[in-house]
Amino acid sequence: MAVERTLESIVIAGAGLAGATAARTLRSEGFGGRISLIGTELHHPYLRPPLSKEYLLGKAGEDAVPVAPEPWYAGNDVDLRLGVTVTAIEPGPHTARLSSGGSLDYDALLLATGALPRRLRLPGGGLEGVTTFRTLDDSRRLREQLSQGGKNVVMIGSGWIGMELAAAATAYGNHVTLIGLEDVPLAAAIGPELGTFFRTLHESNGVQFRLGATAAELRGDSGRVTAVVTGSGDILPADIVVVAVGVAPDTSLAEAAGLAIENGILTDASLRTSAPDIFAAGDVANAMHPFTGQHHRSEHWSNALNGGKIAAKSMLGQDARLETIPYFYTDQYDISMEYSGFPALAAGTEPVIRGTLEGKEFIAFWQHEGRVVAGMNVNVPRSQKAIKALISSHAPIEGGRLADSAVALDQLPADG
């Protein structure tokens, strides 16, 4: 067991879910020293999943997005600095420099800088009506635009965010065209069979797809976007264009400080980086996972939530490791989907299906060397606990049993 440390000052660079959760955990674990939580945005720390789901659809207000009530920070003596960025860290003297001027000394520092949306350098990219989607302000703006209905909306990107935004835009009565590089949307994440399931779902709700396609140019009139020109020369009318082509981990601070970088900031299972007393959590961390013995980087909220907790405990010297099975969810039209597991291990394998895609009620399992490494349910509520247990069991299970709905999920490891 690790020996708990005596710390006086902790700096957290990044006031998203991982950073705010770390601050809350530090206080709940009894840390009484100084906590400085530094956030570039002007908003108090908030959750991102509702931004493309309930909040965007107008089913929830802004009271659904805070990580903690605003008074919590002052009430728990957390020095929350909004609109401020950590511009440099100096591992030797244990100093963090701030955009507001001055610096903070630290005994431990957490990098929770998250990720930044990828941008396309297209002619016309600066036209009004063209946006990326990442922040609360992005969601506010897009909700106001979409809620008017009757707009031509072009989504560039066929990943989870692009598909969620397409569903929301359609629900408001807009005309949606989605451009994607893949021949099948979501194929890189869940394979062509299930990607086709989601494509069919969207097409039945009026979304048009241009797949295996690229956006080459954005055209406008009087400074506002009016059309998207594809790589093949097609001209798509557009009142709103959303670029949703993924995100990249914001490693600039860590790189400048000389930390080990590889698809994010490399950490061990306790979220320690290559520099003493510096930790990383959330979207930016590429952490060693004890289950696989490999590094995994996850951009989903559950990783930020759990990573913030583990980083806080590790900074205090506790024996804590990020061992949870990665998880995320999506809601699109009449589909509620949850996914647990390791996409990197599932990549390129054919899923085993329990139930029917046609009935929109099924579970998909992915196996590696005969063991379940990922599982996704569609409209099968309360099944993720059993799916996570299957993954954690490491038990080899025959595919036919996985597909057999007559065999209870919680009986599979024992009977497989």
Foldseek 3Di string as FASTA:
>chain_A
DWDFDQWAEEEEFAQEQLQVLLVVLLVVVPPDHAYEYEHQAQDHYWDFPCLLPCPLLVNDDPVNIHSDPPVPCVVSNHNYHYNKGFPAAALPQQWTAIPVGDIDHTPFYEYAHAWAFDDDPAALCQFPQEEEDDDSVNSVVNSVVLLVAAFEEEEEEQEQSSLSNLLSSLVSHYQYEYEELAPFRCCQQAHRVVSVLSVVVSVVSHYHYDYNKAFHHFDDDPRHTAWTAIPVGDTGGGRHYYYHHDIAAPCVRVVVNPWDDDSAFEDEQLQDTPRPNYGYFEQRYQYQEPLVRGTHGDNASVRSNLRSNSNSCVSRGHPGGPHAWDKDWDDGDPKTKIKTFDSVQQGPFDWQWADDSVVQFIKTFGDHPQATGMMMTIPPPPCVVLSRVSNVVRARFDSVLVRDPVQDSNCGRVVD
